[in-house]
Amino acid sequence: MHELINHPIVKAYIAHNHFGELLGMDFQVGAPGEIEYHMDIHEKHLATPRAAHGGAVSAFMDATMGVCALTQVVRENKVVSTIEMKISFVSPALIGKKLIGTAKTIKKGKRIVFVEGQIHNEAGTLIAMASGTFNVYPAEKAGF
């Protein structure tokens, strides 16, 4: 695990990310621009008797790509917010399965970060893929 997990802004993000806690999301930082997120699919995520709602999967993807972008700018005392996200659902996220979200930075600019992400289940089945654009701004503006 990378030392960025102990950065004060990342620690504050973890402490204040009540939505991520509600959905049961947890992440690890490999290095700046390398993130792995986890979420187990429970009954609270379902839209059908067996499959998660696309909103839960989308939120998981947004978090995965967002933290990836955050790791690129946090050392500059900056944070990110989502400008745009395009997601494609490939397979259902079924109850009882662990989802693993990974993301990588495609390009980092001074004000914009471009990220691509994928979600697989623990068997390696591709669940969703996405691209996202993130706004970079001073951490103080977000209350950090």
N, C-alpha and C. Protein backbone atom coordinates (compact mmCIF):
# COMPACT_ATOMS: atom_id res chain seq x y z
N MET A 1 0.84 -1.17 0.00
CA MET A 1 0.00 0.00 0.00
C MET A 1 0.89 1.24 0.00
N HIS A 2 0.54 2.21 -0.78
CA HIS A 2 1.32 3.42 -0.96
C HIS A 2 1.13 4.37 0.23
N GLU A 3 2.13 5.21 0.50
CA GLU A 3 2.04 6.15 1.63
C GLU A 3 0.96 7.20 1.44
N LEU A 4 0.45 7.36 0.21
CA LEU A 4 -0.62 8.33 -0.02
C LEU A 4 -1.87 8.02 0.80
N ILE A 5 -2.07 6.77 1.20
CA ILE A 5 -3.23 6.40 2.01
C ILE A 5 -3.20 7.14 3.35
N ASN A 6 -2.01 7.59 3.78
CA ASN A 6 -1.87 8.32 5.04
C ASN A 6 -1.83 9.83 4.86
N HIS A 7 -1.99 10.30 3.64
CA HIS A 7 -2.02 11.75 3.40
C HIS A 7 -3.23 12.33 4.14
N PRO A 8 -3.09 13.49 4.78
CA PRO A 8 -4.21 14.07 5.54
C PRO A 8 -5.50 14.26 4.73
N ILE A 9 -5.38 14.63 3.47
CA ILE A 9 -6.59 14.81 2.66
C ILE A 9 -7.24 13.46 2.36
N VAL A 10 -6.45 12.45 2.07
CA VAL A 10 -7.00 11.12 1.82
C VAL A 10 -7.66 10.58 3.08
N LYS A 11 -7.01 10.77 4.23
CA LYS A 11 -7.61 10.33 5.50
C LYS A 11 -8.91 11.07 5.77
N ALA A 12 -8.95 12.37 5.48
CA ALA A 12 -10.18 13.14 5.68
C ALA A 12 -11.27 12.68 4.71
N TYR A 13 -10.88 12.36 3.48
CA TYR A 13 -11.84 11.84 2.49
C TYR A 13 -12.47 10.55 3.02
N ILE A 14 -11.65 9.65 3.53
CA ILE A 14 -12.15 8.38 4.07
C ILE A 14 -13.11 8.65 5.23
N ALA A 15 -12.75 9.56 6.12
CA ALA A 15 -13.57 9.86 7.29
C ALA A 15 -14.91 10.50 6.92
N HIS A 16 -14.95 11.28 5.84
CA HIS A 16 -16.16 12.01 5.47
C HIS A 16 -16.95 11.38 4.33
N ASN A 17 -16.48 10.28 3.77
CA ASN A 17 -17.17 9.65 2.65
C ASN A 17 -18.26 8.71 3.17
N HIS A 18 -19.33 9.30 3.68
CA HIS A 18 -20.42 8.53 4.27
C HIS A 18 -21.18 7.73 3.21
N PHE A 19 -21.25 8.24 1.98
CA PHE A 19 -21.92 7.51 0.91
C PHE A 19 -21.16 6.23 0.59
N GLY A 20 -19.83 6.32 0.50
CA GLY A 20 -19.02 5.13 0.27
C GLY A 20 -19.17 4.12 1.38
N GLU A 21 -19.27 4.61 2.61
CA GLU A 21 -19.48 3.73 3.77
C GLU A 21 -20.86 3.06 3.68
N LEU A 22 -21.87 3.82 3.28
CA LEU A 22 -23.22 3.28 3.12
C LEU A 22 -23.25 2.12 2.13
N LEU A 23 -22.52 2.27 1.03
CA LEU A 23 -22.49 1.22 0.00
C LEU A 23 -21.48 0.11 0.30
N GLY A 24 -20.64 0.31 1.31
CA GLY A 24 -19.67 -0.71 1.69
C GLY A 24 -18.41 -0.71 0.84
N MET A 25 -17.99 0.46 0.38
CA MET A 25 -16.80 0.56 -0.48
C MET A 25 -15.54 0.75 0.36
N ASP A 26 -14.44 0.20 -0.13
CA ASP A 26 -13.14 0.32 0.53
C ASP A 26 -12.07 0.30 -0.55
N PHE A 27 -11.01 1.10 -0.39
CA PHE A 27 -9.98 1.16 -1.43
C PHE A 27 -8.57 1.03 -0.89
N GLN A 28 -7.66 0.73 -1.83
CA GLN A 28 -6.23 0.68 -1.58
C GLN A 28 -5.54 1.51 -2.66
N VAL A 29 -4.48 2.19 -2.28
CA VAL A 29 -3.70 2.98 -3.22
C VAL A 29 -2.40 2.23 -3.50
N GLY A 30 -2.14 1.92 -4.78
CA GLY A 30 -0.89 1.29 -5.17
C GLY A 30 0.20 2.32 -5.35
N ALA A 31 -0.12 3.41 -6.03
CA ALA A 31 0.79 4.52 -6.32
C ALA A 31 -0.08 5.63 -6.88
N PRO A 32 0.46 6.83 -7.04
CA PRO A 32 -0.35 7.87 -7.67
C PRO A 32 -0.88 7.40 -9.02
N GLY A 33 -2.19 7.49 -9.18
CA GLY A 33 -2.80 7.06 -10.43
C GLY A 33 -3.08 5.58 -10.53
N GLU A 34 -2.89 4.84 -9.43
CA GLU A 34 -3.18 3.40 -9.39
C GLU A 34 -4.05 3.12 -8.17
N ILE A 35 -5.27 2.68 -8.41
CA ILE A 35 -6.21 2.48 -7.32
C ILE A 35 -6.91 1.14 -7.48
N GLU A 36 -7.25 0.53 -6.36
CA GLU A 36 -8.09 -0.67 -6.37
C GLU A 36 -9.17 -0.48 -5.31
N TYR A 37 -10.40 -0.58 -5.73
CA TYR A 37 -11.56 -0.40 -4.85
C TYR A 37 -12.28 -1.73 -4.73
N HIS A 38 -12.96 -1.96 -3.59
CA HIS A 38 -13.70 -3.20 -3.36
C HIS A 38 -15.11 -2.89 -2.85
N MET A 39 -16.06 -3.68 -3.30
CA MET A 39 -17.42 -3.59 -2.80
C MET A 39 -18.09 -4.96 -2.97
N ASP A 40 -18.63 -5.48 -1.88
CA ASP A 40 -19.39 -6.73 -1.94
C ASP A 40 -20.84 -6.38 -2.24
N ILE A 41 -21.46 -7.16 -3.13
CA ILE A 41 -22.86 -6.92 -3.49
C ILE A 41 -23.77 -7.60 -2.46
N HIS A 42 -24.55 -6.77 -1.78
CA HIS A 42 -25.50 -7.23 -0.76
C HIS A 42 -26.92 -6.89 -1.21
N GLU A 43 -27.88 -7.32 -0.44
CA GLU A 43 -29.28 -7.06 -0.75
C GLU A 43 -29.57 -5.56 -0.93
N LYS A 44 -28.91 -4.70 -0.16
CA LYS A 44 -29.16 -3.26 -0.26
C LYS A 44 -28.75 -2.68 -1.62
N HIS A 45 -27.95 -3.39 -2.40
CA HIS A 45 -27.52 -2.93 -3.71
C HIS A 45 -28.43 -3.37 -4.85
N LEU A 46 -29.38 -4.27 -4.58
CA LEU A 46 -30.12 -4.95 -5.63
C LEU A 46 -31.24 -4.12 -6.27
N ALA A 47 -31.43 -4.36 -7.56
CA ALA A 47 -32.57 -3.83 -8.31
C ALA A 47 -33.51 -4.97 -8.70
N THR A 48 -32.99 -6.18 -8.74
CA THR A 48 -33.77 -7.38 -9.02
C THR A 48 -33.44 -8.37 -7.90
N PRO A 49 -34.07 -9.52 -7.86
CA PRO A 49 -33.73 -10.47 -6.80
C PRO A 49 -32.27 -10.93 -6.80
N ARG A 50 -31.57 -10.77 -7.93
CA ARG A 50 -30.18 -11.26 -8.01
C ARG A 50 -29.14 -10.22 -8.37
N ALA A 51 -29.52 -9.14 -9.05
CA ALA A 51 -28.52 -8.23 -9.64
C ALA A 51 -28.57 -6.83 -9.03
N ALA A 52 -27.38 -6.24 -8.91
CA ALA A 52 -27.26 -4.88 -8.37
C ALA A 52 -27.87 -3.85 -9.31
N HIS A 53 -28.34 -2.78 -8.73
CA HIS A 53 -28.85 -1.63 -9.48
C HIS A 53 -27.67 -0.97 -10.19
N GLY A 54 -27.90 -0.50 -11.40
CA GLY A 54 -26.86 0.21 -12.14
C GLY A 54 -26.34 1.44 -11.42
N GLY A 55 -27.19 2.06 -10.61
CA GLY A 55 -26.76 3.23 -9.84
C GLY A 55 -25.70 2.87 -8.81
N ALA A 56 -25.83 1.70 -8.19
CA ALA A 56 -24.82 1.25 -7.22
C ALA A 56 -23.50 0.97 -7.93
N VAL A 57 -23.57 0.33 -9.08
CA VAL A 57 -22.36 0.03 -9.85
C VAL A 57 -21.74 1.34 -10.37
N SER A 58 -22.58 2.26 -10.82
CA SER A 58 -22.08 3.56 -11.29
C SER A 58 -21.41 4.34 -10.17
N ALA A 59 -22.01 4.34 -8.99
CA ALA A 59 -21.41 5.04 -7.85
C ALA A 59 -20.06 4.42 -7.50
N PHE A 60 -19.99 3.10 -7.57
CA PHE A 60 -18.73 2.41 -7.30
C PHE A 60 -17.67 2.79 -8.33
N MET A 61 -18.07 2.88 -9.59
CA MET A 61 -17.13 3.27 -10.65
C MET A 61 -16.68 4.72 -10.46
N ASP A 62 -17.61 5.60 -10.15
CA ASP A 62 -17.28 7.01 -9.94
C ASP A 62 -16.27 7.14 -8.79
N ALA A 63 -16.50 6.40 -7.72
CA ALA A 63 -15.57 6.44 -6.59
C ALA A 63 -14.20 5.91 -6.98
N THR A 64 -14.18 4.82 -7.72
CA THR A 64 -12.91 4.22 -8.15
C THR A 64 -12.10 5.20 -8.99
N MET A 65 -12.74 5.78 -10.00
CA MET A 65 -12.01 6.72 -10.87
C MET A 65 -11.70 8.02 -10.13
N GLY A 66 -12.60 8.45 -9.26
CA GLY A 66 -12.38 9.69 -8.52
C GLY A 66 -11.19 9.61 -7.59
N VAL A 67 -11.06 8.50 -6.86
CA VAL A 67 -9.91 8.34 -5.98
C VAL A 67 -8.62 8.20 -6.79
N CYS A 68 -8.71 7.56 -7.94
CA CYS A 68 -7.55 7.49 -8.84
C CYS A 68 -7.08 8.90 -9.19
N ALA A 69 -8.02 9.75 -9.61
CA ALA A 69 -7.68 11.14 -9.95
C ALA A 69 -7.17 11.89 -8.72
N LEU A 70 -7.79 11.66 -7.56
CA LEU A 70 -7.36 12.32 -6.32
C LEU A 70 -5.90 12.01 -6.01
N THR A 71 -5.48 10.77 -6.21
CA THR A 71 -4.09 10.41 -5.90
C THR A 71 -3.09 11.16 -6.78
N GLN A 72 -3.55 11.68 -7.89
CA GLN A 72 -2.66 12.43 -8.79
C GLN A 72 -2.45 13.87 -8.33
N VAL A 73 -3.37 14.40 -7.51
CA VAL A 73 -3.32 15.83 -7.19
C VAL A 73 -3.20 16.14 -5.70
N VAL A 74 -3.38 15.14 -4.84
CA VAL A 74 -3.43 15.38 -3.41
C VAL A 74 -2.14 15.98 -2.86
N ARG A 75 -1.02 15.64 -3.44
CA ARG A 75 0.27 16.21 -2.98
C ARG A 75 0.38 17.70 -3.29
N GLU A 76 -0.48 18.18 -4.18
CA GLU A 76 -0.53 19.61 -4.50
C GLU A 76 -1.58 20.32 -3.64
N ASN A 77 -2.10 19.63 -2.62
CA ASN A 77 -3.16 20.14 -1.75
C ASN A 77 -4.42 20.45 -2.56
N LYS A 78 -4.72 19.57 -3.51
CA LYS A 78 -5.89 19.73 -4.36
C LYS A 78 -6.75 18.47 -4.27
N VAL A 79 -8.00 18.63 -4.67
CA VAL A 79 -8.95 17.52 -4.72
C VAL A 79 -9.62 17.54 -6.09
N VAL A 80 -10.53 16.60 -6.32
CA VAL A 80 -11.19 16.51 -7.62
C VAL A 80 -12.70 16.35 -7.44
N SER A 81 -13.41 16.69 -8.49
CA SER A 81 -14.83 16.40 -8.58
C SER A 81 -15.13 15.93 -9.99
N THR A 82 -16.14 15.11 -10.10
CA THR A 82 -16.49 14.53 -11.41
C THR A 82 -17.15 15.57 -12.29
N ILE A 83 -16.63 15.72 -13.49
CA ILE A 83 -17.26 16.58 -14.51
C ILE A 83 -18.15 15.73 -15.39
N GLU A 84 -17.63 14.56 -15.79
CA GLU A 84 -18.33 13.71 -16.76
C GLU A 84 -17.89 12.28 -16.55
N MET A 85 -18.84 11.35 -16.75
CA MET A 85 -18.52 9.93 -16.68
C MET A 85 -19.38 9.20 -17.70
N LYS A 86 -18.75 8.30 -18.44
CA LYS A 86 -19.46 7.44 -19.39
C LYS A 86 -19.19 6.01 -18.97
N ILE A 87 -20.27 5.26 -18.70
CA ILE A 87 -20.11 3.90 -18.23
C ILE A 87 -20.85 2.93 -19.14
N SER A 88 -20.25 1.77 -19.37
CA SER A 88 -20.88 0.68 -20.12
C SER A 88 -20.98 -0.52 -19.20
N PHE A 89 -22.20 -1.04 -19.05
CA PHE A 89 -22.45 -2.23 -18.24
C PHE A 89 -22.32 -3.45 -19.15
N VAL A 90 -21.44 -4.37 -18.79
CA VAL A 90 -21.13 -5.52 -19.63
C VAL A 90 -21.77 -6.80 -19.10
N SER A 91 -21.76 -6.98 -17.78
CA SER A 91 -22.33 -8.16 -17.13
C SER A 91 -23.00 -7.72 -15.83
N PRO A 92 -23.96 -8.50 -15.32
CA PRO A 92 -24.61 -8.11 -14.07
C PRO A 92 -23.68 -8.31 -12.87
N ALA A 93 -23.85 -7.46 -11.88
CA ALA A 93 -23.16 -7.60 -10.60
C ALA A 93 -24.11 -8.34 -9.68
N LEU A 94 -23.82 -9.60 -9.42
CA LEU A 94 -24.76 -10.48 -8.72
C LEU A 94 -24.55 -10.47 -7.21
N ILE A 95 -25.64 -10.69 -6.49
CA ILE A 95 -25.60 -10.73 -5.03
C ILE A 95 -24.58 -11.77 -4.56
N GLY A 96 -23.86 -11.41 -3.51
CA GLY A 96 -22.86 -12.31 -2.95
C GLY A 96 -21.50 -12.23 -3.59
N LYS A 97 -21.38 -11.46 -4.65
CA LYS A 97 -20.09 -11.35 -5.35
C LYS A 97 -19.32 -10.13 -4.87
N LYS A 98 -18.00 -10.25 -4.90
CA LYS A 98 -17.10 -9.13 -4.58
C LYS A 98 -16.75 -8.44 -5.89
N LEU A 99 -16.93 -7.11 -5.91
CA LEU A 99 -16.52 -6.33 -7.06
C LEU A 99 -15.16 -5.71 -6.78
N ILE A 100 -14.33 -5.67 -7.81
CA ILE A 100 -13.00 -5.07 -7.73
C ILE A 100 -12.93 -4.01 -8.82
N GLY A 101 -12.79 -2.77 -8.40
CA GLY A 101 -12.68 -1.66 -9.34
C GLY A 101 -11.24 -1.22 -9.45
N THR A 102 -10.76 -1.05 -10.67
CA THR A 102 -9.42 -0.54 -10.90
C THR A 102 -9.53 0.65 -11.84
N ALA A 103 -8.60 1.57 -11.70
CA ALA A 103 -8.59 2.75 -12.57
C ALA A 103 -7.17 3.18 -12.82
N LYS A 104 -7.00 3.86 -13.95
CA LYS A 104 -5.68 4.41 -14.27
C LYS A 104 -5.88 5.78 -14.90
N THR A 105 -4.93 6.63 -14.62
CA THR A 105 -4.95 7.97 -15.19
C THR A 105 -4.47 7.91 -16.62
N ILE A 106 -5.23 8.53 -17.51
CA ILE A 106 -4.87 8.62 -18.92
C ILE A 106 -4.05 9.88 -19.17
N LYS A 107 -4.50 11.01 -18.57
CA LYS A 107 -3.76 12.27 -18.71
C LYS A 107 -4.10 13.17 -17.54
N LYS A 108 -3.07 13.78 -16.97
CA LYS A 108 -3.25 14.75 -15.89
C LYS A 108 -2.80 16.11 -16.38
N GLY A 109 -3.70 17.06 -16.31
CA GLY A 109 -3.35 18.44 -16.59
C GLY A 109 -3.41 19.25 -15.31
N LYS A 110 -3.27 20.56 -15.42
CA LYS A 110 -3.32 21.42 -14.23
C LYS A 110 -4.72 21.51 -13.65
N ARG A 111 -5.74 21.44 -14.53
CA ARG A 111 -7.13 21.62 -14.06
C ARG A 111 -8.04 20.44 -14.35
N ILE A 112 -7.58 19.49 -15.15
CA ILE A 112 -8.41 18.36 -15.57
C ILE A 112 -7.59 17.07 -15.49
N VAL A 113 -8.23 15.98 -15.04
CA VAL A 113 -7.62 14.66 -15.05
C VAL A 113 -8.57 13.72 -15.79
N PHE A 114 -8.02 12.95 -16.73
CA PHE A 114 -8.78 11.96 -17.50
C PHE A 114 -8.43 10.57 -16.97
N VAL A 115 -9.46 9.77 -16.68
CA VAL A 115 -9.27 8.46 -16.06
C VAL A 115 -10.11 7.42 -16.79
N GLU A 116 -9.61 6.18 -16.84
CA GLU A 116 -10.39 5.05 -17.31
C GLU A 116 -10.47 4.03 -16.19
N GLY A 117 -11.63 3.35 -16.08
CA GLY A 117 -11.82 2.38 -15.02
C GLY A 117 -12.49 1.12 -15.51
N GLN A 118 -12.30 0.06 -14.74
CA GLN A 118 -12.96 -1.21 -15.00
C GLN A 118 -13.40 -1.81 -13.67
N ILE A 119 -14.51 -2.54 -13.73
CA ILE A 119 -14.98 -3.30 -12.58
C ILE A 119 -15.09 -4.76 -13.02
N HIS A 120 -14.50 -5.63 -12.22
CA HIS A 120 -14.59 -7.08 -12.43
C HIS A 120 -15.15 -7.70 -11.15
N ASN A 121 -15.69 -8.90 -11.24
CA ASN A 121 -16.00 -9.64 -10.02
C ASN A 121 -14.78 -10.48 -9.66
N GLU A 122 -14.86 -11.18 -8.53
CA GLU A 122 -13.67 -11.91 -8.06
C GLU A 122 -13.29 -13.06 -8.98
N ALA A 123 -14.19 -13.48 -9.85
CA ALA A 123 -13.87 -14.53 -10.84
C ALA A 123 -13.21 -13.96 -12.09
N GLY A 124 -13.09 -12.63 -12.15
CA GLY A 124 -12.46 -11.98 -13.30
C GLY A 124 -13.41 -11.56 -14.39
N THR A 125 -14.71 -11.76 -14.20
CA THR A 125 -15.70 -11.35 -15.20
C THR A 125 -15.81 -9.83 -15.24
N LEU A 126 -15.72 -9.25 -16.43
CA LEU A 126 -15.87 -7.81 -16.59
C LEU A 126 -17.32 -7.43 -16.35
N ILE A 127 -17.54 -6.51 -15.42
CA ILE A 127 -18.89 -6.04 -15.07
C ILE A 127 -19.18 -4.72 -15.76
N ALA A 128 -18.22 -3.81 -15.74
CA ALA A 128 -18.42 -2.49 -16.34
C ALA A 128 -17.08 -1.86 -16.68
N MET A 129 -17.12 -0.93 -17.65
CA MET A 129 -15.95 -0.14 -17.99
C MET A 129 -16.41 1.30 -18.18
N ALA A 130 -15.50 2.24 -17.93
CA ALA A 130 -15.91 3.64 -17.97
C ALA A 130 -14.72 4.55 -18.25
N SER A 131 -15.08 5.78 -18.63
CA SER A 131 -14.09 6.85 -18.71
C SER A 131 -14.67 8.03 -17.95
N GLY A 132 -13.80 8.83 -17.37
CA GLY A 132 -14.25 9.96 -16.59
C GLY A 132 -13.32 11.15 -16.72
N THR A 133 -13.90 12.32 -16.54
CA THR A 133 -13.17 13.58 -16.56
C THR A 133 -13.38 14.24 -15.21
N PHE A 134 -12.29 14.68 -14.59
CA PHE A 134 -12.36 15.22 -13.24
C PHE A 134 -11.75 16.62 -13.16
N ASN A 135 -12.45 17.50 -12.47
CA ASN A 135 -12.01 18.87 -12.22
C ASN A 135 -11.04 18.86 -11.03
N VAL A 136 -9.95 19.59 -11.14
CA VAL A 136 -8.96 19.73 -10.09
C VAL A 136 -9.12 21.11 -9.45
N TYR A 137 -9.22 21.15 -8.12
CA TYR A 137 -9.38 22.45 -7.46
C TYR A 137 -8.79 22.40 -6.04
N PRO A 138 -8.55 23.56 -5.41
CA PRO A 138 -7.93 23.59 -4.09
C PRO A 138 -8.78 22.86 -3.04
N ALA A 139 -8.11 22.10 -2.17
CA ALA A 139 -8.78 21.30 -1.15
C ALA A 139 -9.62 22.16 -0.21
N GLU A 140 -9.21 23.39 0.03
CA GLU A 140 -9.97 24.27 0.93
C GLU A 140 -11.40 24.50 0.44
N LYS A 141 -11.56 24.56 -0.87
CA LYS A 141 -12.90 24.80 -1.44
C LYS A 141 -13.86 23.65 -1.15
N ALA A 142 -13.33 22.47 -0.87
CA ALA A 142 -14.15 21.32 -0.55
C ALA A 142 -14.30 21.14 0.98
N GLY A 143 -13.68 22.03 1.74
CA GLY A 143 -13.76 21.95 3.19
C GLY A 143 -12.68 21.12 3.85
N PHE A 144 -11.64 20.74 3.09
CA PHE A 144 -10.54 19.97 3.66
C PHE A 144 -9.48 20.90 4.21
